[in-house]
N, C-alpha and C. Protein backbone atom coordinates (compact mmCIF):
# COMPACT_ATOMS: atom_id res chain seq x y z
N ALA A 1 37.30 98.71 178.33
CA ALA A 1 37.46 99.31 179.16
C ALA A 1 38.04 100.88 177.68
N MET A 2 38.60 99.99 176.58
CA MET A 2 38.86 100.67 175.45
C MET A 2 37.87 101.64 175.20
N ALA A 3 36.62 100.74 175.19
CA ALA A 3 36.02 101.33 174.57
C ALA A 3 35.55 102.53 175.66
N LEU A 4 35.44 102.64 176.42
CA LEU A 4 35.02 103.32 177.43
C LEU A 4 35.89 104.81 176.85
N GLU A 5 37.38 104.40 177.52
CA GLU A 5 38.55 105.38 176.84
C GLU A 5 37.80 106.05 175.59
N LEU A 6 37.62 105.89 174.44
CA LEU A 6 37.37 106.11 173.62
C LEU A 6 36.22 107.08 174.14
N PHE A 7 35.10 107.28 174.20
CA PHE A 7 33.97 107.85 174.51
C PHE A 7 33.90 108.51 176.05
N HIS A 8 34.52 108.79 177.15
CA HIS A 8 34.23 109.28 178.16
C HIS A 8 35.23 110.58 177.78
N THR A 9 34.28 111.38 178.35
CA THR A 9 34.55 112.88 178.39
C THR A 9 34.34 113.64 179.87
N GLY A 10 34.06 112.89 180.94
CA GLY A 10 34.52 113.82 181.88
C GLY A 10 35.42 113.54 182.61
N LYS A 11 35.60 114.03 183.78
CA LYS A 11 36.03 114.52 184.82
C LYS A 11 36.92 113.63 185.90
N LYS A 12 36.13 112.86 186.00
CA LYS A 12 35.92 112.05 187.09
C LYS A 12 36.48 110.34 186.52
N PRO A 13 37.02 109.51 187.96
CA PRO A 13 37.69 108.47 187.57
C PRO A 13 36.41 107.25 186.75
N VAL A 14 36.71 106.55 185.92
CA VAL A 14 36.27 105.45 185.53
C VAL A 14 37.25 104.55 185.94
N VAL A 15 37.00 103.12 186.26
CA VAL A 15 37.63 101.90 187.12
C VAL A 15 37.20 100.96 186.34
N ILE A 16 37.57 100.25 185.94
CA ILE A 16 36.93 98.89 185.52
C ILE A 16 37.90 97.72 186.24
N THR A 17 37.09 96.48 187.22
CA THR A 17 38.05 95.51 187.60
C THR A 17 37.42 94.24 187.74
N GLY A 18 37.97 93.35 188.50
CA GLY A 18 37.68 91.96 188.36
C GLY A 18 37.93 91.01 188.89
N ALA A 19 38.35 89.90 188.15
CA ALA A 19 38.82 88.68 189.60
C ALA A 19 39.47 87.37 188.58
N GLN A 20 40.57 87.29 189.33
CA GLN A 20 40.68 86.08 188.59
C GLN A 20 40.87 84.61 189.25
N ARG A 21 40.25 84.98 190.03
CA ARG A 21 39.97 83.44 190.63
C ARG A 21 38.18 83.68 191.36
N SER A 22 38.08 82.54 191.27
CA SER A 22 36.42 82.78 191.35
C SER A 22 35.74 83.50 192.97
N PHE A 23 34.85 83.62 193.24
CA PHE A 23 34.10 84.42 194.65
C PHE A 23 34.32 83.29 195.61
N ASP A 24 34.13 81.91 194.92
CA ASP A 24 33.99 80.93 196.26
C ASP A 24 35.65 80.26 196.63
N HIS A 25 36.23 81.21 196.11
CA HIS A 25 37.87 80.42 196.05
C HIS A 25 38.42 80.72 197.68
N LEU A 26 39.40 80.12 198.43
CA LEU A 26 39.72 80.44 199.63
C LEU A 26 40.38 81.69 199.26
N GLU A 27 40.79 81.71 198.30
CA GLU A 27 42.11 83.57 198.22
C GLU A 27 41.55 84.48 197.09
N SER A 28 39.96 84.65 197.19
CA SER A 28 39.66 84.91 195.85
C SER A 28 40.54 86.11 195.84
N ASP A 29 40.43 86.76 194.66
CA ASP A 29 41.13 88.42 194.52
C ASP A 29 40.26 89.29 194.33
N GLY A 30 38.69 88.95 194.20
CA GLY A 30 37.98 90.10 193.78
C GLY A 30 37.47 91.04 194.71
N PRO A 31 37.42 90.11 196.08
CA PRO A 31 37.10 91.56 197.08
C PRO A 31 37.69 92.82 197.11
N GLN A 32 39.41 92.12 196.92
CA GLN A 32 40.46 93.26 197.42
C GLN A 32 40.77 94.30 196.20
N ASN A 33 40.30 93.45 195.18
CA ASN A 33 39.92 94.32 193.54
C ASN A 33 38.96 95.56 193.72
N LEU A 34 37.65 95.31 194.35
CA LEU A 34 36.56 95.51 194.18
C LEU A 34 37.11 96.99 195.23
N ALA A 35 37.52 96.67 196.56
CA ALA A 35 37.61 97.49 197.63
C ALA A 35 38.54 98.49 196.77
N ASP A 36 40.25 97.90 195.60
CA ASP A 36 41.37 98.92 195.41
C ASP A 36 40.52 99.80 194.48
N ALA A 37 39.30 99.40 193.11
CA ALA A 37 39.17 99.88 192.59
C ALA A 37 37.66 101.28 193.37
N ILE A 38 37.32 100.52 194.28
CA ILE A 38 36.17 102.06 194.36
C ILE A 38 37.15 103.29 195.45
N SER A 39 38.34 102.49 196.05
CA SER A 39 39.08 103.60 196.52
C SER A 39 39.62 104.42 195.65
N TYR A 40 40.12 104.08 194.08
CA TYR A 40 40.78 104.66 193.21
C TYR A 40 39.54 105.63 192.19
N ALA A 41 38.07 104.82 191.90
CA ALA A 41 37.11 105.69 191.59
C ALA A 41 37.28 106.83 192.35
N ALA A 42 37.32 106.91 193.70
CA ALA A 42 36.28 107.99 194.85
C ALA A 42 38.29 109.13 194.38
N ASN A 43 39.39 108.75 194.14
CA ASN A 43 40.53 109.50 194.81
C ASN A 43 41.25 109.45 194.05
N GLY A 44 41.11 108.45 192.99
CA GLY A 44 42.23 109.04 191.44
C GLY A 44 42.30 110.21 190.40
N ALA A 45 42.95 109.92 189.61
CA ALA A 45 43.13 110.71 188.56
C ALA A 45 41.83 110.47 187.51
N PRO A 46 40.98 111.24 186.50
CA PRO A 46 40.11 111.27 185.28
C PRO A 46 40.78 110.90 184.64
N GLY A 47 40.07 109.68 184.01
CA GLY A 47 40.36 108.82 182.99
C GLY A 47 39.93 107.54 183.29
N VAL A 48 40.22 106.58 181.90
CA VAL A 48 39.44 105.44 182.45
C VAL A 48 41.18 104.32 182.64
N SER A 49 40.93 103.65 183.70
CA SER A 49 41.94 103.00 183.74
C SER A 49 41.37 101.11 184.52
N ILE A 50 42.53 100.79 184.66
CA ILE A 50 41.72 98.92 185.11
C ILE A 50 42.72 99.04 186.59
N ARG A 51 41.98 98.57 187.55
CA ARG A 51 42.80 98.37 188.61
C ARG A 51 42.26 96.73 189.44
N PHE A 52 43.75 96.31 189.12
CA PHE A 52 43.64 95.03 189.57
C PHE A 52 44.97 94.43 190.16
N GLY A 53 45.05 93.14 190.84
CA GLY A 53 46.19 92.91 191.65
C GLY A 53 46.99 94.21 192.49
N GLY A 54 46.05 95.05 192.52
CA GLY A 54 46.91 96.23 193.22
C GLY A 54 48.09 96.86 192.24
N LEU A 55 47.44 97.10 191.00
CA LEU A 55 47.89 97.99 190.02
C LEU A 55 46.93 98.47 189.66
N THR A 56 47.58 100.11 188.63
CA THR A 56 46.16 100.79 188.53
C THR A 56 47.32 101.35 187.37
N ILE A 57 46.25 100.48 185.91
CA ILE A 57 46.63 100.08 184.57
C ILE A 57 45.65 101.41 183.38
N PRO A 58 46.46 102.15 182.83
CA PRO A 58 45.31 102.82 182.01
C PRO A 58 44.73 102.06 181.20
N ALA A 59 43.13 102.35 180.76
CA ALA A 59 42.87 101.59 179.69
C ALA A 59 43.33 101.43 178.02
N ARG A 60 43.74 102.74 177.91
CA ARG A 60 44.67 102.68 176.59
C ARG A 60 45.99 102.29 176.77
N GLY A 61 46.53 100.90 175.93
CA GLY A 61 47.18 99.99 175.81
C GLY A 61 47.40 99.00 176.83
N ALA A 62 45.84 98.74 177.38
CA ALA A 62 46.10 97.69 178.18
C ALA A 62 45.84 96.43 177.48
N PHE A 63 46.52 95.67 178.00
CA PHE A 63 46.44 94.29 177.43
C PHE A 63 46.73 92.99 178.54
N LYS A 64 46.39 91.97 178.32
CA LYS A 64 46.12 90.75 179.26
C LYS A 64 47.64 90.11 179.29
N ALA A 65 48.27 90.18 179.95
CA ALA A 65 49.90 89.51 180.13
C ALA A 65 50.30 88.58 180.60
N HIS A 66 49.07 87.27 180.88
CA HIS A 66 49.28 86.67 182.32
C HIS A 66 48.31 85.99 182.35
N THR A 67 47.24 84.47 181.99
CA THR A 67 46.23 84.01 182.36
C THR A 67 45.70 83.55 183.81
N SER A 68 47.05 83.89 184.50
CA SER A 68 46.36 82.85 185.88
C SER A 68 46.95 84.03 187.24
N ALA A 69 47.86 85.14 186.93
CA ALA A 69 48.80 85.99 188.10
C ALA A 69 47.74 86.49 188.31
N LEU A 70 47.52 87.70 189.25
CA LEU A 70 46.43 87.92 189.90
C LEU A 70 46.71 89.38 189.68
N GLU A 71 48.32 89.89 189.47
CA GLU A 71 48.50 91.19 188.51
C GLU A 71 48.53 90.57 187.02
N ALA A 72 47.35 90.62 186.87
CA ALA A 72 47.09 90.20 185.03
C ALA A 72 46.96 90.97 183.96
N PHE A 73 47.13 92.57 184.34
CA PHE A 73 47.15 93.01 183.10
C PHE A 73 48.51 93.60 183.60
N GLN A 74 48.62 94.37 181.88
CA GLN A 74 49.91 95.55 181.88
C GLN A 74 49.49 96.37 180.57
N ALA A 75 50.55 97.51 180.12
CA ALA A 75 50.07 98.25 179.72
C ALA A 75 51.45 98.80 178.67
N THR A 76 51.09 98.90 176.87
CA THR A 76 52.08 99.44 176.87
C THR A 76 52.03 100.99 176.61
N SER A 77 53.45 101.85 177.06
CA SER A 77 53.47 103.21 177.15
C SER A 77 53.33 103.93 176.00
N GLN A 78 52.57 104.46 176.23
CA GLN A 78 51.44 105.88 175.37
C GLN A 78 52.24 106.90 174.88
N LYS A 79 52.07 107.36 173.72
CA LYS A 79 52.61 109.22 173.33
C LYS A 79 51.28 109.78 174.08
N ILE A 80 51.40 110.62 174.80
CA ILE A 80 50.41 111.54 174.67
C ILE A 80 49.94 112.51 173.65
N ARG A 81 48.91 112.35 173.16
CA ARG A 81 48.28 113.29 172.23
C ARG A 81 47.27 113.31 172.13
N THR A 82 46.39 114.83 172.00
CA THR A 82 44.92 114.85 171.78
C THR A 82 44.19 114.27 170.22
N ARG A 83 43.16 113.54 171.30
CA ARG A 83 42.30 112.88 169.91
C ARG A 83 41.09 113.26 170.08
N PRO A 84 40.30 113.26 168.88
CA PRO A 84 39.04 113.58 168.96
C PRO A 84 37.73 113.39 169.77
N THR A 85 36.79 114.12 170.70
CA THR A 85 35.90 113.38 171.05
C THR A 85 35.11 113.25 170.51
N LEU A 86 34.57 111.52 171.07
CA LEU A 86 33.44 111.35 169.66
C LEU A 86 32.11 110.83 170.50
N PRO A 87 31.03 111.85 170.02
CA PRO A 87 29.70 111.46 170.47
C PRO A 87 29.34 110.13 170.88
N LEU A 88 28.28 109.93 172.03
CA LEU A 88 28.06 108.53 172.22
C LEU A 88 27.39 108.02 170.70
N THR A 89 27.56 106.68 170.93
CA THR A 89 27.42 105.87 169.46
C THR A 89 27.35 104.34 169.77
N PRO A 90 26.15 104.19 169.31
CA PRO A 90 26.00 102.34 169.40
C PRO A 90 27.07 101.79 168.58
N LEU A 91 28.02 101.01 169.30
CA LEU A 91 29.05 99.87 168.21
C LEU A 91 28.60 98.65 167.49
N ALA A 92 27.17 98.57 167.86
CA ALA A 92 26.65 97.14 167.35
C ALA A 92 26.40 97.63 165.88
N GLY A 93 26.19 96.19 165.20
CA GLY A 93 26.34 96.37 163.43
C GLY A 93 27.08 96.39 162.91
N GLN A 94 28.39 96.48 163.09
CA GLN A 94 30.02 96.83 162.76
C GLN A 94 30.75 94.96 162.47
N ASP A 95 30.69 95.01 161.97
CA ASP A 95 31.86 93.56 161.99
C ASP A 95 33.36 93.88 161.52
N ILE A 96 33.71 93.74 162.53
CA ILE A 96 35.35 93.90 162.31
C ILE A 96 36.21 92.58 162.90
N VAL A 97 36.59 91.91 162.00
CA VAL A 97 37.56 90.70 162.47
C VAL A 97 39.06 90.83 162.55
N ILE A 98 39.35 89.84 163.48
CA ILE A 98 40.84 89.63 163.62
C ILE A 98 41.74 88.69 162.89
N ILE A 99 42.63 88.72 162.04
CA ILE A 99 43.23 87.80 161.62
C ILE A 99 44.97 87.66 162.01
N SER A 100 45.12 86.05 162.28
CA SER A 100 46.37 86.15 162.98
C SER A 100 47.35 86.10 161.14
N ALA A 101 48.14 86.30 161.76
CA ALA A 101 49.41 86.23 160.61
C ALA A 101 50.81 84.48 161.16
N TRP A 102 51.07 84.38 160.77
CA TRP A 102 52.70 83.30 160.82
C TRP A 102 52.79 83.09 159.69
N PRO A 103 54.77 82.93 159.96
CA PRO A 103 54.98 82.47 158.77
C PRO A 103 54.37 81.61 157.35
N GLY A 104 54.03 81.71 156.16
CA GLY A 104 53.83 81.08 155.30
C GLY A 104 52.17 81.15 155.45
N ALA A 105 51.59 81.91 156.17
CA ALA A 105 50.42 82.60 156.33
C ALA A 105 49.89 82.43 154.59
N PRO A 106 48.90 81.66 154.12
CA PRO A 106 48.03 82.47 153.03
C PRO A 106 47.25 83.03 153.43
N ARG A 107 46.21 83.94 152.31
CA ARG A 107 45.72 84.46 152.28
C ARG A 107 43.97 83.90 152.65
N LEU A 108 43.93 82.80 152.59
CA LEU A 108 42.79 82.15 152.71
C LEU A 108 41.63 83.35 153.62
N LEU A 109 42.09 83.23 154.74
CA LEU A 109 41.15 84.08 156.27
C LEU A 109 40.74 85.16 155.44
N VAL A 110 41.59 86.28 154.43
CA VAL A 110 41.35 87.25 154.45
C VAL A 110 40.31 87.17 153.14
N ASP A 111 40.86 86.24 152.79
CA ASP A 111 39.47 86.28 151.33
C ASP A 111 38.05 86.11 151.90
N ALA A 112 38.29 85.28 153.08
CA ALA A 112 37.06 84.72 153.57
C ALA A 112 36.30 85.63 154.55
N ALA A 113 37.37 86.77 154.84
CA ALA A 113 36.72 87.88 155.72
C ALA A 113 35.80 88.82 154.54
N VAL A 114 36.77 88.91 153.61
CA VAL A 114 36.11 89.77 152.30
C VAL A 114 34.74 89.08 152.12
N ALA A 115 34.65 88.04 151.54
CA ALA A 115 33.57 87.01 150.89
C ALA A 115 32.48 87.59 152.26
N SER A 116 32.79 87.52 153.31
CA SER A 116 31.33 87.64 154.00
C SER A 116 31.01 88.58 154.27
N GLY A 117 31.85 89.83 153.91
CA GLY A 117 30.56 91.70 154.03
C GLY A 117 31.23 91.99 155.39
N VAL A 118 33.11 91.74 155.47
CA VAL A 118 32.89 92.54 157.10
C VAL A 118 33.33 93.62 156.95
N ASN A 119 33.12 94.96 157.30
CA ASN A 119 33.38 96.22 157.91
C ASN A 119 34.40 96.50 157.50
N GLY A 120 35.32 96.06 158.60
CA GLY A 120 36.98 96.25 158.30
C GLY A 120 38.02 95.04 158.73
N ILE A 121 39.08 94.77 158.90
CA ILE A 121 39.95 94.03 158.92
C ILE A 121 40.88 94.23 160.12
N ILE A 122 41.26 94.12 161.43
CA ILE A 122 42.42 94.07 162.32
C ILE A 122 43.41 92.93 161.68
N VAL A 123 44.54 92.57 161.05
CA VAL A 123 45.65 91.93 160.88
C VAL A 123 46.69 91.72 162.36
N GLU A 124 46.75 90.44 163.04
CA GLU A 124 47.94 90.90 164.00
C GLU A 124 49.10 90.01 163.21
N GLY A 125 49.86 90.91 162.99
CA GLY A 125 51.13 90.81 162.39
C GLY A 125 52.20 89.93 162.79
N LEU A 126 53.03 89.68 162.33
CA LEU A 126 54.78 89.32 162.93
C LEU A 126 55.51 90.47 163.05
N GLY A 127 56.29 90.60 164.25
CA GLY A 127 56.90 91.57 164.34
C GLY A 127 56.67 93.54 164.04
N SER A 128 57.09 94.10 163.57
CA SER A 128 56.81 95.08 164.07
C SER A 128 55.53 95.21 162.99
N GLY A 129 54.74 94.52 162.73
CA GLY A 129 53.98 94.68 161.42
C GLY A 129 54.17 93.56 160.06
N ASN A 130 54.24 92.56 159.83
CA ASN A 130 54.43 92.06 158.62
C ASN A 130 54.14 91.19 158.59
N MET A 131 53.73 90.33 157.37
CA MET A 131 53.26 89.00 157.11
C MET A 131 53.60 88.19 155.74
N GLY A 132 53.26 87.07 155.35
CA GLY A 132 54.00 86.54 154.45
C GLY A 132 53.27 87.38 153.21
N SER A 133 53.82 86.99 152.32
CA SER A 133 54.04 88.08 150.57
C SER A 133 52.46 87.07 150.47
N GLU A 134 52.08 86.41 150.09
CA GLU A 134 50.60 85.86 149.93
C GLU A 134 49.05 86.41 151.09
N MET A 135 49.26 86.48 152.15
CA MET A 135 48.73 87.25 152.66
C MET A 135 48.48 89.22 152.55
N GLY A 136 50.04 88.78 152.51
CA GLY A 136 49.66 90.49 152.35
C GLY A 136 48.65 91.19 150.72
N GLU A 137 49.21 90.15 149.55
CA GLU A 137 48.24 90.28 148.50
C GLU A 137 46.98 90.01 148.98
N GLY A 138 46.30 89.34 149.31
CA GLY A 138 45.42 89.72 150.24
C GLY A 138 45.04 90.53 150.84
N VAL A 139 45.16 91.29 151.61
CA VAL A 139 45.56 92.50 152.19
C VAL A 139 45.33 94.00 151.22
N LYS A 140 46.08 93.59 150.13
CA LYS A 140 45.75 94.21 149.28
C LYS A 140 44.80 94.77 148.58
N ASP A 141 44.55 93.59 148.27
CA ASP A 141 43.00 93.11 147.49
C ASP A 141 41.93 93.59 148.88
N ALA A 142 42.43 93.26 149.81
CA ALA A 142 40.57 93.86 150.80
C ALA A 142 40.64 95.58 150.81
N LEU A 143 42.31 96.39 150.66
CA LEU A 143 42.06 97.35 150.58
C LEU A 143 41.38 97.38 149.44
N ASP A 144 41.54 97.46 148.06
CA ASP A 144 41.46 97.79 147.44
C ASP A 144 39.91 97.54 146.93
N ALA A 145 38.95 96.96 147.99
CA ALA A 145 37.09 96.59 148.29
C ALA A 145 37.08 97.73 149.02
N GLY A 146 37.82 98.31 149.48
CA GLY A 146 37.40 99.54 150.30
C GLY A 146 37.32 98.74 151.60
N ILE A 147 38.19 98.14 152.03
CA ILE A 147 38.05 97.89 153.17
C ILE A 147 39.02 97.89 154.48
N PRO A 148 38.76 98.64 155.49
CA PRO A 148 40.02 99.35 156.04
C PRO A 148 40.64 98.07 156.81
N VAL A 149 41.72 97.87 156.57
CA VAL A 149 42.91 97.30 157.31
C VAL A 149 43.58 98.07 158.51
N LEU A 150 43.31 97.57 159.84
CA LEU A 150 45.06 97.74 160.26
C LEU A 150 45.63 97.06 160.38
N ILE A 151 46.62 97.34 160.76
CA ILE A 151 47.92 95.97 161.03
C ILE A 151 48.59 96.29 162.89
N THR A 152 48.25 95.15 163.62
CA THR A 152 48.94 95.05 164.77
C THR A 152 49.85 93.99 165.39
N THR A 153 50.65 93.88 166.12
CA THR A 153 51.27 92.95 166.06
C THR A 153 51.13 91.71 167.26
N ARG A 154 51.64 90.40 166.98
CA ARG A 154 51.20 89.78 168.15
C ARG A 154 52.08 89.60 169.41
N VAL A 155 53.71 90.91 168.77
CA VAL A 155 54.46 90.54 169.70
C VAL A 155 53.82 91.68 171.71
N PRO A 156 54.39 91.18 172.36
CA PRO A 156 53.55 92.06 173.46
C PRO A 156 53.69 93.65 173.86
N GLU A 157 55.64 93.95 173.41
CA GLU A 157 55.93 95.10 173.55
C GLU A 157 56.33 95.75 172.30
N GLY A 158 56.41 96.85 172.38
CA GLY A 158 56.76 97.76 171.11
C GLY A 158 55.81 98.68 170.36
N SER A 159 56.58 99.35 169.15
CA SER A 159 55.02 100.26 168.47
C SER A 159 55.40 99.49 167.52
N VAL A 160 54.01 99.41 166.40
CA VAL A 160 54.24 98.64 164.92
C VAL A 160 54.48 99.76 163.75
N THR A 161 55.60 99.94 163.29
CA THR A 161 56.17 100.88 162.53
C THR A 161 55.87 100.33 160.99
N LEU A 162 55.58 99.18 160.49
CA LEU A 162 55.52 99.25 159.34
C LEU A 162 56.50 100.13 158.38
N ALA A 163 57.35 99.15 158.89
CA ALA A 163 58.33 99.52 157.86
C ALA A 163 59.42 98.85 157.04
N TYR A 164 58.64 97.54 157.25
CA TYR A 164 59.51 96.47 155.41
C TYR A 164 58.93 96.27 154.52
N GLY A 165 60.08 96.14 153.53
CA GLY A 165 59.22 96.24 152.16
C GLY A 165 58.79 95.40 151.54
N GLY A 166 58.49 94.46 150.11
CA GLY A 166 57.99 93.71 150.55
C GLY A 166 56.61 92.94 150.24
N ASP A 167 55.80 92.11 149.18
CA ASP A 167 55.06 91.96 149.28
C ASP A 167 53.84 91.53 150.53
N GLY A 168 54.32 91.37 151.36
CA GLY A 168 54.10 90.88 153.04
C GLY A 168 54.05 92.27 153.81
N GLY A 169 55.14 93.00 153.52
CA GLY A 169 55.83 93.81 154.37
C GLY A 169 55.20 95.17 155.14
N GLY A 170 55.09 95.85 155.98
CA GLY A 170 54.09 96.96 156.53
C GLY A 170 54.23 97.98 156.07
N ALA A 171 55.58 98.56 155.08
CA ALA A 171 55.91 99.83 154.52
C ALA A 171 54.93 99.44 153.09
N THR A 172 54.54 98.16 152.25
CA THR A 172 54.42 98.49 151.19
C THR A 172 52.78 98.12 151.33
N LEU A 173 52.43 97.52 152.32
CA LEU A 173 50.93 97.54 152.94
C LEU A 173 50.17 99.00 152.90
N ALA A 174 51.43 100.21 153.76
CA ALA A 174 50.59 101.46 154.24
C ALA A 174 50.67 101.78 153.14
N GLN A 175 51.40 101.31 151.92
CA GLN A 175 50.92 102.26 151.04
C GLN A 175 50.13 101.86 150.46
N ALA A 176 49.65 100.92 150.45
CA ALA A 176 48.03 100.38 149.73
C ALA A 176 46.57 100.96 150.69
N GLY A 177 47.70 101.58 152.09
CA GLY A 177 46.32 101.85 152.63
C GLY A 177 46.09 101.61 154.31
N ALA A 178 46.86 100.39 154.49
CA ALA A 178 46.73 99.96 155.59
C ALA A 178 47.06 100.97 156.56
N LEU A 179 46.88 100.84 157.85
CA LEU A 179 47.48 101.80 159.03
C LEU A 179 48.27 100.34 159.89
N GLY A 180 49.06 101.23 160.62
CA GLY A 180 49.73 100.49 161.73
C GLY A 180 48.72 100.96 163.05
N THR A 181 48.80 100.45 163.82
CA THR A 181 48.06 100.57 165.45
C THR A 181 49.35 100.76 166.23
N GLY A 182 50.43 101.42 165.57
CA GLY A 182 51.23 101.61 166.85
C GLY A 182 51.11 100.86 168.30
N THR A 183 51.17 101.20 169.42
CA THR A 183 50.90 100.40 170.48
C THR A 183 50.15 99.84 170.76
N LEU A 184 48.81 99.99 170.13
CA LEU A 184 47.37 98.76 170.45
C LEU A 184 47.59 97.48 169.77
N ARG A 185 47.33 97.18 170.98
CA ARG A 185 47.32 95.34 170.59
C ARG A 185 46.00 95.07 169.45
N ALA A 186 45.37 93.85 169.20
CA ALA A 186 44.45 93.55 168.40
C ALA A 186 43.23 93.87 169.56
N GLY A 187 43.00 93.86 169.84
CA GLY A 187 41.43 93.46 170.63
C GLY A 187 41.30 94.95 170.62
N GLN A 188 42.06 95.92 171.39
CA GLN A 188 42.10 97.63 171.11
C GLN A 188 41.88 98.17 169.63
N ALA A 189 42.78 97.66 169.26
CA ALA A 189 42.55 97.88 167.66
C ALA A 189 41.33 98.01 167.02
N ARG A 190 40.72 96.52 167.37
CA ARG A 190 39.51 96.17 167.03
C ARG A 190 38.21 97.46 167.58
N MET A 191 38.83 98.06 168.73
CA MET A 191 37.66 98.76 168.90
C MET A 191 37.66 100.03 168.38
N VAL A 192 38.75 100.46 168.41
CA VAL A 192 39.16 101.47 167.82
C VAL A 192 38.74 102.02 166.53
N LEU A 193 38.91 100.72 165.72
CA LEU A 193 37.83 100.72 164.28
C LEU A 193 36.35 100.59 164.13
N LEU A 194 35.54 100.17 165.25
CA LEU A 194 34.68 99.64 165.25
C LEU A 194 33.95 101.47 166.06
N ALA A 195 34.57 101.77 166.64
CA ALA A 195 34.19 103.51 167.25
C ALA A 195 34.55 104.05 165.69
N ALA A 196 34.94 104.52 164.72
CA ALA A 196 35.60 105.49 163.78
C ALA A 196 34.36 104.91 163.13
N LEU A 197 33.79 103.71 162.77
CA LEU A 197 33.08 103.23 161.59
C LEU A 197 32.08 103.60 162.12
N ALA A 198 31.47 103.15 163.42
CA ALA A 198 30.31 103.79 164.04
C ALA A 198 29.62 104.90 163.75
N THR A 199 30.69 105.92 164.73
CA THR A 199 30.89 107.10 164.58
C THR A 199 31.09 107.92 163.22
N GLY A 200 31.98 107.77 162.10
CA GLY A 200 32.35 108.25 160.98
C GLY A 200 33.65 109.36 161.47
N THR A 201 34.51 108.62 162.43
CA THR A 201 35.46 109.59 162.08
C THR A 201 36.91 108.56 161.92
N ASP A 202 37.83 109.50 161.50
CA ASP A 202 38.79 109.16 160.50
C ASP A 202 40.05 107.86 161.19
N VAL A 203 40.08 107.03 161.65
CA VAL A 203 40.46 105.92 162.47
C VAL A 203 41.66 106.90 162.64
N ALA A 204 42.57 107.05 161.85
CA ALA A 204 43.90 107.81 162.28
C ALA A 204 43.73 108.32 163.32
N SER A 205 43.05 109.70 163.22
CA SER A 205 42.83 110.24 164.45
C SER A 205 42.85 109.56 165.85
N LEU A 206 42.21 108.41 165.66
CA LEU A 206 41.87 107.58 167.30
C LEU A 206 43.32 106.87 167.68
N LEU A 207 44.31 106.72 166.82
CA LEU A 207 45.07 105.78 167.28
C LEU A 207 46.26 106.58 167.61
């Protein structure tokens, strides 16, 4: 959904749906989700959205909020602003990894990603976009090596502000060149970086 949102320029709705229960389940949600998606595609607002469990969720900011509930998806609140229109471009060939931070996390995974030749790194940080000092040092070295790093959070709601100092603090890493993802979580941040690299677009303009 996020990939479509980044490239969609038409004035018609594009709707993504699916199911939480299998097609042969006695109370499968697939048929109703599909019917709802068709109805919204015929009558809904332009843009890309997810239609699931009776809810219409905008693609930008969407995340899966529950493993099994029929109302599976939610979206973080988004500020409306103009973003560049991207030319249709294949996204294959870019290697973007997602690395989770935890209290006391070492730099091992960041160093391994750099050594493997990744094109970009998404760090799923703590709180408003922070990590331990050792991992932060690894991120700074990755930035020095020319690898773009976006910092998001594992917290479901709220914006990544990169406000704290210290070696693993978001503000320190922002000064080194890392970018906060605002209200986009890891999966969508990865799609943004993929699209930016594939099209030669400044990633900050897509966040």
